[in-house]
Amino acid sequence: GLCSYGIACHGVLKTMANYDQTRITGFDVRFSSPVYPGETHLVEMWKD
């Protein structure tokens, strides 16, 4: 689960922070369903 957590951070870091890790000060999630290795993660984002 914490690997999926890191993948989600990768998606937000790439899309919303232009790979600047210094912009991220908090990162919270709820785990909802198991993931299998090799699957494609679609990180859906809303910015406010």
All heavy atoms as atom14 arrays in JSON, in Angstrom:
{
  "sequence": "GLCSYGIACHGVLKTMANYDQTRITGFDVRFSSPVYPGETHLVEMWKD",
  "atom14_mask": [
    [1, 1, 1, 1, 0, 0, 0, 0, 0, 0, 0, 0, 0, 0],
    [1, 1, 1, 1, 1, 1, 1, 1, 0, 0, 0, 0, 0, 0],
    [1, 1, 1, 1, 1, 1, 0, 0, 0, 0, 0, 0, 0, 0],
    [1, 1, 1, 1, 1, 1, 0, 0, 0, 0, 0, 0, 0, 0],
    [1, 1, 1, 1, 1, 1, 1, 1, 1, 1, 1, 1, 0, 0],
    [1, 1, 1, 1, 0, 0, 0, 0, 0, 0, 0, 0, 0, 0],
    [1, 1, 1, 1, 1, 1, 1, 1, 0, 0, 0, 0, 0, 0],
    [1, 1, 1, 1, 1, 0, 0, 0, 0, 0, 0, 0, 0, 0],
    [1, 1, 1, 1, 1, 1, 0, 0, 0, 0, 0, 0, 0, 0],
    [1, 1, 1, 1, 1, 1, 1, 1, 1, 1, 0, 0, 0, 0],
    [1, 1, 1, 1, 0, 0, 0, 0, 0, 0, 0, 0, 0, 0],
    [1, 1, 1, 1, 1, 1, 1, 0, 0, 0, 0, 0, 0, 0],
    [1, 1, 1, 1, 1, 1, 1, 1, 0, 0, 0, 0, 0, 0],
    [1, 1, 1, 1, 1, 1, 1, 1, 1, 0, 0, 0, 0, 0],
    [1, 1, 1, 1, 1, 1, 1, 0, 0, 0, 0, 0, 0, 0],
    [1, 1, 1, 1, 1, 1, 1, 1, 0, 0, 0, 0, 0, 0],
    [1, 1, 1, 1, 1, 0, 0, 0, 0, 0, 0, 0, 0, 0],
    [1, 1, 1, 1, 1, 1, 1, 1, 0, 0, 0, 0, 0, 0],
    [1, 1, 1, 1, 1, 1, 1, 1, 1, 1, 1, 1, 0, 0],
    [1, 1, 1, 1, 1, 1, 1, 1, 0, 0, 0, 0, 0, 0],
    [1, 1, 1, 1, 1, 1, 1, 1, 1, 0, 0, 0, 0, 0],
    [1, 1, 1, 1, 1, 1, 1, 0, 0, 0, 0, 0, 0, 0],
    [1, 1, 1, 1, 1, 1, 1, 1, 1, 1, 1, 0, 0, 0],
    [1, 1, 1, 1, 1, 1, 1, 1, 0, 0, 0, 0, 0, 0],
    [1, 1, 1, 1, 1, 1, 1, 0, 0, 0, 0, 0, 0, 0],
    [1, 1, 1, 1, 0, 0, 0, 0, 0, 0, 0, 0, 0, 0],
    [1, 1, 1, 1, 1, 1, 1, 1, 1, 1, 1, 0, 0, 0],
    [1, 1, 1, 1, 1, 1, 1, 1, 0, 0, 0, 0, 0, 0],
    [1, 1, 1, 1, 1, 1, 1, 0, 0, 0, 0, 0, 0, 0],
    [1, 1, 1, 1, 1, 1, 1, 1, 1, 1, 1, 0, 0, 0],
    [1, 1, 1, 1, 1, 1, 1, 1, 1, 1, 1, 0, 0, 0],
    [1, 1, 1, 1, 1, 1, 0, 0, 0, 0, 0, 0, 0, 0],
    [1, 1, 1, 1, 1, 1, 0, 0, 0, 0, 0, 0, 0, 0],
    [1, 1, 1, 1, 1, 1, 1, 0, 0, 0, 0, 0, 0, 0],
    [1, 1, 1, 1, 1, 1, 1, 0, 0, 0, 0, 0, 0, 0],
    [1, 1, 1, 1, 1, 1, 1, 1, 1, 1, 1, 1, 0, 0],
    [1, 1, 1, 1, 1, 1, 1, 0, 0, 0, 0, 0, 0, 0],
    [1, 1, 1, 1, 0, 0, 0, 0, 0, 0, 0, 0, 0, 0],
    [1, 1, 1, 1, 1, 1, 1, 1, 1, 0, 0, 0, 0, 0],
    [1, 1, 1, 1, 1, 1, 1, 0, 0, 0, 0, 0, 0, 0],
    [1, 1, 1, 1, 1, 1, 1, 1, 1, 1, 0, 0, 0, 0],
    [1, 1, 1, 1, 1, 1, 1, 1, 0, 0, 0, 0, 0, 0],
    [1, 1, 1, 1, 1, 1, 1, 0, 0, 0, 0, 0, 0, 0],
    [1, 1, 1, 1, 1, 1, 1, 1, 1, 0, 0, 0, 0, 0],
    [1, 1, 1, 1, 1, 1, 1, 1, 0, 0, 0, 0, 0, 0],
    [1, 1, 1, 1, 1, 1, 1, 1, 1, 1, 1, 1, 1, 1],
    [1, 1, 1, 1, 1, 1, 1, 1, 1, 0, 0, 0, 0, 0],
    [1, 1, 1, 1, 1, 1, 1, 1, 0, 0, 0, 0, 0, 0]
  ],
  "atom14_positions": [
    [[0.81, -1.21, 0.0], [0.0, 0.0, 0.0], [0.84, 1.26, 0.0], [0.52, 2.24, -0.67], [0.0, 0.0, 0.0], [0.0, 0.0, 0.0], [0.0, 0.0, 0.0], [0.0, 0.0, 0.0], [0.0, 0.0, 0.0], [0.0, 0.0, 0.0], [0.0, 0.0, 0.0], [0.0, 0.0, 0.0], [0.0, 0.0, 0.0], [0.0, 0.0, 0.0]],
    [[1.96, 1.24, 0.75], [2.8, 2.43, 0.8], [3.58, 2.65, -0.49], [4.06, 3.76, -0.74], [3.75, 2.35, 2.0], [3.08, 2.57, 3.36], [4.09, 2.41, 4.48], [2.42, 3.97, 3.42], [0.0, 0.0, 0.0], [0.0, 0.0, 0.0], [0.0, 0.0, 0.0], [0.0, 0.0, 0.0], [0.0, 0.0, 0.0], [0.0, 0.0, 0.0]],
    [[3.69, 1.61, -1.34], [4.25, 1.82, -2.67], [3.24, 2.6, -3.52], [3.61, 3.55, -4.21], [4.62, 0.5, -3.32], [5.46, 0.68, -4.91], [0.0, 0.0, 0.0], [0.0, 0.0, 0.0], [0.0, 0.0, 0.0], [0.0, 0.0, 0.0], [0.0, 0.0, 0.0], [0.0, 0.0, 0.0], [0.0, 0.0, 0.0], [0.0, 0.0, 0.0]],
    [[1.97, 2.21, -3.46], [0.93, 2.96, -4.16], [0.87, 4.4, -3.67], [0.63, 5.33, -4.44], [-0.43, 2.28, -3.97], [-0.46, 1.02, -4.58], [0.0, 0.0, 0.0], [0.0, 0.0, 0.0], [0.0, 0.0, 0.0], [0.0, 0.0, 0.0], [0.0, 0.0, 0.0], [0.0, 0.0, 0.0], [0.0, 0.0, 0.0], [0.0, 0.0, 0.0]],
    [[1.1, 4.59, -2.38], [1.16, 5.93, -1.78], [2.26, 6.75, -2.44], [2.07, 7.92, -2.81], [1.4, 5.74, -0.28], [1.57, 6.98, 0.57], [0.53, 7.85, 0.8], [2.79, 7.21, 1.22], [0.68, 8.94, 1.64], [2.95, 8.3, 2.07], [1.89, 9.16, 2.28], [2.04, 10.24, 3.11], [0.0, 0.0, 0.0], [0.0, 0.0, 0.0]],
    [[3.43, 6.15, -2.6], [4.54, 6.84, -3.24], [4.28, 7.13, -4.71], [4.66, 8.18, -5.23], [0.0, 0.0, 0.0], [0.0, 0.0, 0.0], [0.0, 0.0, 0.0], [0.0, 0.0, 0.0], [0.0, 0.0, 0.0], [0.0, 0.0, 0.0], [0.0, 0.0, 0.0], [0.0, 0.0, 0.0], [0.0, 0.0, 0.0], [0.0, 0.0, 0.0]],
    [[3.6, 6.19, -5.41], [3.26, 6.41, -6.81], [2.31, 7.6, -6.95], [2.45, 8.44, -7.85], [2.64, 5.14, -7.42], [3.67, 4.02, -7.47], [2.08, 5.41, -8.82], [3.09, 2.65, -7.75], [0.0, 0.0, 0.0], [0.0, 0.0, 0.0], [0.0, 0.0, 0.0], [0.0, 0.0, 0.0], [0.0, 0.0, 0.0], [0.0, 0.0, 0.0]],
    [[1.36, 7.72, -6.02], [0.45, 8.87, -6.03], [1.23, 10.17, -5.84], [0.96, 11.19, -6.51], [-0.61, 8.71, -4.95], [0.0, 0.0, 0.0], [0.0, 0.0, 0.0], [0.0, 0.0, 0.0], [0.0, 0.0, 0.0], [0.0, 0.0, 0.0], [0.0, 0.0, 0.0], [0.0, 0.0, 0.0], [0.0, 0.0, 0.0], [0.0, 0.0, 0.0]],
    [[2.23, 10.14, -4.95], [3.05, 11.34, -4.75], [3.83, 11.67, -6.02], [3.97, 12.85, -6.38], [3.99, 11.11, -3.57], [4.94, 12.59, -3.11], [0.0, 0.0, 0.0], [0.0, 0.0, 0.0], [0.0, 0.0, 0.0], [0.0, 0.0, 0.0], [0.0, 0.0, 0.0], [0.0, 0.0, 0.0], [0.0, 0.0, 0.0], [0.0, 0.0, 0.0]],
    [[4.33, 10.64, -6.69], [5.01, 10.85, -7.98], [4.11, 11.6, -8.94], [4.53, 12.57, -9.59], [5.41, 9.48, -8.54], [6.12, 9.52, -9.85], [6.4, 8.38, -10.58], [6.61, 10.55, -10.6], [7.03, 8.71, -11.69], [7.16, 10.02, -11.74], [0.0, 0.0, 0.0], [0.0, 0.0, 0.0], [0.0, 0.0, 0.0], [0.0, 0.0, 0.0]],
    [[2.83, 11.17, -9.03], [1.9, 11.81, -9.95], [1.64, 13.26, -9.6], [1.62, 14.14, -10.48], [0.0, 0.0, 0.0], [0.0, 0.0, 0.0], [0.0, 0.0, 0.0], [0.0, 0.0, 0.0], [0.0, 0.0, 0.0], [0.0, 0.0, 0.0], [0.0, 0.0, 0.0], [0.0, 0.0, 0.0], [0.0, 0.0, 0.0], [0.0, 0.0, 0.0]],
    [[1.44, 13.55, -8.31], [1.19, 14.94, -7.89], [2.45, 15.78, -8.05], [2.4, 16.93, -8.51], [0.69, 14.97, -6.43], [0.54, 16.41, -5.94], [-0.64, 14.23, -6.3], [0.0, 0.0, 0.0], [0.0, 0.0, 0.0], [0.0, 0.0, 0.0], [0.0, 0.0, 0.0], [0.0, 0.0, 0.0], [0.0, 0.0, 0.0], [0.0, 0.0, 0.0]],
    [[3.58, 15.22, -7.69], [4.86, 15.93, -7.81], [5.13, 16.33, -9.26], [5.53, 17.47, -9.55], [5.97, 15.02, -7.29], [7.39, 15.56, -7.16], [7.45, 16.7, -6.17], [8.33, 14.43, -6.72], [0.0, 0.0, 0.0], [0.0, 0.0, 0.0], [0.0, 0.0, 0.0], [0.0, 0.0, 0.0], [0.0, 0.0, 0.0], [0.0, 0.0, 0.0]],
    [[4.87, 15.42, -10.17], [5.09, 15.66, -11.59], [4.11, 16.67, -12.16], [4.5, 17.6, -12.9], [4.97, 14.33, -12.35], [5.07, 14.44, -13.86], [4.95, 13.07, -14.52], [5.04, 13.18, -16.04], [4.95, 11.84, -16.68], [0.0, 0.0, 0.0], [0.0, 0.0, 0.0], [0.0, 0.0, 0.0], [0.0, 0.0, 0.0], [0.0, 0.0, 0.0]],
    [[2.83, 16.54, -11.8], [1.77, 17.3, -12.46], [1.51, 18.65, -11.82], [1.25, 19.64, -12.51], [0.47, 16.48, -12.45], [0.73, 15.16, -12.95], [-0.61, 17.13, -13.29], [0.0, 0.0, 0.0], [0.0, 0.0, 0.0], [0.0, 0.0, 0.0], [0.0, 0.0, 0.0], [0.0, 0.0, 0.0], [0.0, 0.0, 0.0], [0.0, 0.0, 0.0]],
    [[1.58, 18.71, -10.5], [1.18, 19.92, -9.79], [2.34, 20.7, -9.17], [2.16, 21.84, -8.74], [0.18, 19.56, -8.68], [-1.15, 19.04, -9.19], [-2.07, 20.37, -10.06], [-3.59, 19.5, -10.49], [0.0, 0.0, 0.0], [0.0, 0.0, 0.0], [0.0, 0.0, 0.0], [0.0, 0.0, 0.0], [0.0, 0.0, 0.0], [0.0, 0.0, 0.0]],
    [[3.53, 20.1, -9.13], [4.67, 20.79, -8.5], [5.88, 20.87, -9.41], [6.95, 21.3, -8.97], [5.04, 20.09, -7.19], [0.0, 0.0, 0.0], [0.0, 0.0, 0.0], [0.0, 0.0, 0.0], [0.0, 0.0, 0.0], [0.0, 0.0, 0.0], [0.0, 0.0, 0.0], [0.0, 0.0, 0.0], [0.0, 0.0, 0.0], [0.0, 0.0, 0.0]],
    [[5.73, 20.46, -10.68], [6.82, 20.53, -11.65], [8.1, 19.9, -11.09], [9.19, 20.4, -11.27], [7.08, 21.99, -12.06], [7.94, 22.1, -13.3], [7.93, 21.21, -14.16], [8.71, 23.17, -13.4], [0.0, 0.0, 0.0], [0.0, 0.0, 0.0], [0.0, 0.0, 0.0], [0.0, 0.0, 0.0], [0.0, 0.0, 0.0], [0.0, 0.0, 0.0]],
    [[7.93, 18.77, -10.41], [9.02, 17.98, -9.82], [9.8, 18.72, -8.73], [10.9, 18.3, -8.35], [9.99, 17.5, -10.9], [9.49, 16.3, -11.67], [9.05, 16.43, -12.99], [9.44, 15.04, -11.09], [8.59, 15.34, -13.7], [8.98, 13.94, -11.8], [8.56, 14.09, -13.1], [8.1, 12.99, -13.8], [0.0, 0.0, 0.0], [0.0, 0.0, 0.0]],
    [[9.22, 19.79, -8.16], [9.88, 20.51, -7.08], [9.37, 19.98, -5.74], [8.29, 20.36, -5.27], [9.61, 22.01, -7.19], [10.29, 22.83, -6.11], [10.97, 22.23, -5.24], [10.12, 24.06, -6.1], [0.0, 0.0, 0.0], [0.0, 0.0, 0.0], [0.0, 0.0, 0.0], [0.0, 0.0, 0.0], [0.0, 0.0, 0.0], [0.0, 0.0, 0.0]],
    [[10.13, 19.08, -5.12], [9.67, 18.41, -3.9], [9.54, 19.37, -2.73], [8.83, 19.09, -1.76], [10.6, 17.25, -3.55], [11.82, 17.59, -2.69], [12.92, 18.33, -3.44], [12.76, 18.74, -4.58], [14.06, 18.49, -2.79], [0.0, 0.0, 0.0], [0.0, 0.0, 0.0], [0.0, 0.0, 0.0], [0.0, 0.0, 0.0], [0.0, 0.0, 0.0]],
    [[10.21, 20.52, -2.8], [10.15, 21.48, -1.69], [8.77, 22.12, -1.56], [8.46, 22.73, -0.54], [11.21, 22.59, -1.84], [10.89, 23.39, -2.98], [12.59, 21.99, -2.01], [0.0, 0.0, 0.0], [0.0, 0.0, 0.0], [0.0, 0.0, 0.0], [0.0, 0.0, 0.0], [0.0, 0.0, 0.0], [0.0, 0.0, 0.0], [0.0, 0.0, 0.0]],
    [[7.92, 21.97, -2.59], [6.58, 22.55, -2.54], [5.59, 21.69, -1.76], [4.54, 22.18, -1.35], [6.06, 22.8, -3.95], [6.85, 23.84, -4.74], [6.07, 24.28, -5.95], [4.79, 24.87, -5.57], [3.71, 24.9, -6.36], [3.76, 24.35, -7.56], [2.61, 25.46, -5.94], [0.0, 0.0, 0.0], [0.0, 0.0, 0.0], [0.0, 0.0, 0.0]],
    [[5.91, 20.42, -1.56], [4.97, 19.53, -0.87], [5.27, 19.54, 0.63], [6.36, 19.18, 1.07], [5.06, 18.1, -1.43], [4.55, 18.07, -2.88], [4.26, 17.12, -0.56], [4.57, 16.7, -3.52], [0.0, 0.0, 0.0], [0.0, 0.0, 0.0], [0.0, 0.0, 0.0], [0.0, 0.0, 0.0], [0.0, 0.0, 0.0], [0.0, 0.0, 0.0]],
    [[4.26, 19.96, 1.41], [4.42, 20.02, 2.87], [3.5, 19.04, 3.6], [3.64, 18.85, 4.81], [4.17, 21.44, 3.4], [2.82, 21.83, 3.09], [5.13, 22.44, 2.76], [0.0, 0.0, 0.0], [0.0, 0.0, 0.0], [0.0, 0.0, 0.0], [0.0, 0.0, 0.0], [0.0, 0.0, 0.0], [0.0, 0.0, 0.0], [0.0, 0.0, 0.0]],
    [[2.57, 18.43, 2.89], [1.69, 17.45, 3.5], [1.16, 16.5, 2.45], [0.93, 16.9, 1.3], [0.0, 0.0, 0.0], [0.0, 0.0, 0.0], [0.0, 0.0, 0.0], [0.0, 0.0, 0.0], [0.0, 0.0, 0.0], [0.0, 0.0, 0.0], [0.0, 0.0, 0.0], [0.0, 0.0, 0.0], [0.0, 0.0, 0.0], [0.0, 0.0, 0.0]],
    [[0.95, 15.21, 2.84], [0.47, 14.23, 1.88], [-0.3, 13.15, 2.63], [0.29, 12.31, 3.32], [1.64, 13.61, 1.1], [1.26, 13.09, -0.25], [1.09, 13.95, -1.32], [1.05, 11.73, -0.45], [0.74, 13.48, -2.57], [0.69, 11.25, -1.7], [0.53, 12.13, -2.76], [0.0, 0.0, 0.0], [0.0, 0.0, 0.0], [0.0, 0.0, 0.0]],
    [[-1.64, 13.18, 2.51], [-2.52, 12.29, 3.26], [-3.38, 11.47, 2.32], [-3.85, 11.98, 1.3], [-3.45, 13.1, 4.18], [-2.71, 14.07, 5.08], [-1.49, 13.9, 5.28], [-3.36, 15.0, 5.6], [0.0, 0.0, 0.0], [0.0, 0.0, 0.0], [0.0, 0.0, 0.0], [0.0, 0.0, 0.0], [0.0, 0.0, 0.0], [0.0, 0.0, 0.0]],
    [[-3.63, 10.19, 2.67], [-4.46, 9.34, 1.84], [-5.29, 8.38, 2.69], [-4.99, 8.14, 3.86], [-3.64, 8.48, 0.84], [-2.77, 9.34, -0.05], [-2.81, 7.44, 1.56], [0.0, 0.0, 0.0], [0.0, 0.0, 0.0], [0.0, 0.0, 0.0], [0.0, 0.0, 0.0], [0.0, 0.0, 0.0], [0.0, 0.0, 0.0], [0.0, 0.0, 0.0]],
    [[-6.3, 7.81, 2.05], [-7.04, 6.66, 2.59], [-6.91, 5.52, 1.58], [-7.15, 5.72, 0.39], [-8.51, 7.02, 2.81], [-9.38, 5.81, 3.17], [-10.78, 6.21, 3.59], [-10.79, 6.69, 4.96], [-11.89, 6.86, 5.69], [-13.07, 6.59, 5.16], [-11.83, 7.29, 6.93], [0.0, 0.0, 0.0], [0.0, 0.0, 0.0], [0.0, 0.0, 0.0]],
    [[-6.52, 4.34, 2.05], [-6.38, 3.19, 1.17], [-7.75, 2.53, 0.98], [-8.46, 2.26, 1.95], [-5.39, 2.18, 1.76], [-4.0, 2.74, 1.92], [-3.5, 3.06, 3.17], [-3.2, 2.97, 0.81], [-2.22, 3.59, 3.32], [-1.91, 3.5, 0.95], [-1.43, 3.81, 2.2], [0.0, 0.0, 0.0], [0.0, 0.0, 0.0], [0.0, 0.0, 0.0]],
    [[-8.1, 2.27, -0.3], [-9.45, 1.79, -0.6], [-9.51, 0.39, -1.17], [-10.48, -0.32, -0.96], [-10.13, 2.75, -1.6], [-10.28, 4.03, -1.04], [0.0, 0.0, 0.0], [0.0, 0.0, 0.0], [0.0, 0.0, 0.0], [0.0, 0.0, 0.0], [0.0, 0.0, 0.0], [0.0, 0.0, 0.0], [0.0, 0.0, 0.0], [0.0, 0.0, 0.0]],
    [[-8.49, -0.02, -1.95], [-8.57, -1.31, -2.63], [-7.16, -1.82, -2.92], [-6.25, -1.02, -3.19], [-9.35, -1.16, -3.95], [-9.45, -2.38, -4.63], [0.0, 0.0, 0.0], [0.0, 0.0, 0.0], [0.0, 0.0, 0.0], [0.0, 0.0, 0.0], [0.0, 0.0, 0.0], [0.0, 0.0, 0.0], [0.0, 0.0, 0.0], [0.0, 0.0, 0.0]],
    [[-6.95, -3.14, -2.89], [-5.62, -3.67, -3.2], [-5.23, -3.39, -4.66], [-6.08, -3.24, -5.54], [-5.79, -5.19, -2.98], [-6.99, -5.32, -2.11], [-7.89, -4.19, -2.48], [0.0, 0.0, 0.0], [0.0, 0.0, 0.0], [0.0, 0.0, 0.0], [0.0, 0.0, 0.0], [0.0, 0.0, 0.0], [0.0, 0.0, 0.0], [0.0, 0.0, 0.0]],
    [[-3.92, -3.35, -4.87], [-3.34, -3.1, -6.19], [-2.41, -4.27, -6.51], [-1.76, -4.81, -5.61], [-2.55, -1.78, -6.19], [-1.82, -1.56, -7.51], [-3.48, -0.6, -5.89], [0.0, 0.0, 0.0], [0.0, 0.0, 0.0], [0.0, 0.0, 0.0], [0.0, 0.0, 0.0], [0.0, 0.0, 0.0], [0.0, 0.0, 0.0], [0.0, 0.0, 0.0]],
    [[-2.32, -4.63, -7.78], [-1.41, -5.68, -8.21], [-0.22, -5.05, -8.95], [-0.39, -4.06, -9.68], [-2.12, -6.69, -9.12], [-3.15, -7.51, -8.39], [-4.48, -7.15, -8.38], [-2.76, -8.65, -7.66], [-5.43, -7.9, -7.68], [-3.7, -9.4, -6.96], [-5.02, -9.02, -6.98], [-5.96, -9.76, -6.27], [0.0, 0.0, 0.0], [0.0, 0.0, 0.0]],
    [[0.98, -5.58, -8.77], [2.14, -5.07, -9.51], [1.88, -5.11, -11.01], [1.25, -6.03, -11.53], [3.26, -6.04, -9.12], [2.85, -6.58, -7.79], [1.35, -6.69, -7.85], [0.0, 0.0, 0.0], [0.0, 0.0, 0.0], [0.0, 0.0, 0.0], [0.0, 0.0, 0.0], [0.0, 0.0, 0.0], [0.0, 0.0, 0.0], [0.0, 0.0, 0.0]],
    [[2.36, -4.08, -11.7], [2.22, -4.02, -13.16], [0.99, -3.28, -13.63], [0.85, -3.04, -14.84], [0.0, 0.0, 0.0], [0.0, 0.0, 0.0], [0.0, 0.0, 0.0], [0.0, 0.0, 0.0], [0.0, 0.0, 0.0], [0.0, 0.0, 0.0], [0.0, 0.0, 0.0], [0.0, 0.0, 0.0], [0.0, 0.0, 0.0], [0.0, 0.0, 0.0]],
    [[0.11, -2.9, -12.72], [-1.09, -2.17, -13.13], [-0.77, -0.69, -13.37], [0.24, -0.17, -12.9], [-2.19, -2.32, -12.08], [-2.7, -3.75, -11.97], [-3.89, -3.9, -11.04], [-3.85, -3.33, -9.93], [-4.85, -4.59, -11.42], [0.0, 0.0, 0.0], [0.0, 0.0, 0.0], [0.0, 0.0, 0.0], [0.0, 0.0, 0.0], [0.0, 0.0, 0.0]],
    [[-1.67, -0.03, -14.1], [-1.49, 1.37, -14.45], [-2.25, 2.25, -13.46], [-3.46, 2.08, -13.27], [-2.0, 1.65, -15.88], [-1.31, 0.78, -16.79], [-1.75, 3.09, -16.27], [0.0, 0.0, 0.0], [0.0, 0.0, 0.0], [0.0, 0.0, 0.0], [0.0, 0.0, 0.0], [0.0, 0.0, 0.0], [0.0, 0.0, 0.0], [0.0, 0.0, 0.0]],
    [[-1.55, 3.2, -12.85], [-2.15, 4.09, -11.86], [-2.54, 5.4, -12.56], [-1.69, 6.08, -13.15], [-1.15, 4.39, -10.74], [-0.79, 3.18, -9.92], [-0.82, 3.17, -8.55], [-0.38, 1.93, -10.29], [-0.46, 1.98, -8.1], [-0.18, 1.22, -9.14], [0.0, 0.0, 0.0], [0.0, 0.0, 0.0], [0.0, 0.0, 0.0], [0.0, 0.0, 0.0]],
    [[-3.81, 5.75, -12.46], [-4.31, 7.03, -12.95], [-4.51, 7.93, -11.75], [-5.45, 7.73, -10.96], [-5.62, 6.86, -13.72], [-5.59, 5.93, -14.94], [-7.0, 5.78, -15.52], [-4.64, 6.47, -16.01], [0.0, 0.0, 0.0], [0.0, 0.0, 0.0], [0.0, 0.0, 0.0], [0.0, 0.0, 0.0], [0.0, 0.0, 0.0], [0.0, 0.0, 0.0]],
    [[-3.64, 8.91, -11.56], [-3.76, 9.82, -10.42], [-4.62, 11.0, -10.86], [-4.21, 11.81, -11.69], [-2.38, 10.29, -9.93], [-2.54, 11.14, -8.67], [-1.47, 9.09, -9.64], [0.0, 0.0, 0.0], [0.0, 0.0, 0.0], [0.0, 0.0, 0.0], [0.0, 0.0, 0.0], [0.0, 0.0, 0.0], [0.0, 0.0, 0.0], [0.0, 0.0, 0.0]],
    [[-5.83, 11.07, -10.32], [-6.8, 12.11, -10.66], [-6.67, 13.23, -9.64], [-6.7, 12.98, -8.42], [-8.22, 11.54, -10.66], [-8.37, 10.36, -11.61], [-9.71, 9.66, -11.5], [-10.39, 9.83, -10.45], [-10.08, 8.93, -12.44], [0.0, 0.0, 0.0], [0.0, 0.0, 0.0], [0.0, 0.0, 0.0], [0.0, 0.0, 0.0], [0.0, 0.0, 0.0]],
    [[-6.55, 14.48, -10.11], [-6.23, 15.6, -9.22], [-7.16, 16.79, -9.4], [-7.6, 17.08, -10.52], [-4.78, 16.05, -9.46], [-3.74, 15.06, -9.01], [-2.11, 15.35, -9.75], [-2.28, 14.4, -11.28], [0.0, 0.0, 0.0], [0.0, 0.0, 0.0], [0.0, 0.0, 0.0], [0.0, 0.0, 0.0], [0.0, 0.0, 0.0], [0.0, 0.0, 0.0]],
    [[-7.42, 17.47, -8.28], [-8.21, 18.7, -8.25], [-7.4, 19.73, -7.46], [-7.0, 19.46, -6.33], [-9.54, 18.48, -7.54], [-10.48, 17.53, -8.19], [-11.58, 17.83, -8.94], [-10.45, 16.08, -8.13], [-12.23, 16.69, -9.34], [-11.56, 15.6, -8.87], [-9.6, 15.16, -7.53], [-11.83, 14.24, -9.01], [-9.86, 13.81, -7.67], [-10.96, 13.36, -8.4]],
    [[-7.2, 20.92, -8.02], [-6.41, 21.93, -7.33], [-7.29, 23.09, -6.88], [-8.0, 23.68, -7.7], [-5.28, 22.46, -8.22], [-4.28, 23.34, -7.47], [-3.09, 23.69, -8.34], [-2.03, 24.43, -7.55], [-2.52, 25.69, -6.96], [0.0, 0.0, 0.0], [0.0, 0.0, 0.0], [0.0, 0.0, 0.0], [0.0, 0.0, 0.0], [0.0, 0.0, 0.0]],
    [[-7.24, 23.4, -5.6], [-7.96, 24.54, -5.03], [-6.98, 25.29, -4.14], [-6.65, 24.84, -3.04], [-9.17, 24.06, -4.22], [-10.21, 23.37, -5.1], [-10.92, 24.07, -5.82], [-10.28, 22.12, -5.06], [0.0, 0.0, 0.0], [0.0, 0.0, 0.0], [0.0, 0.0, 0.0], [0.0, 0.0, 0.0], [0.0, 0.0, 0.0], [0.0, 0.0, 0.0]]
  ]
}
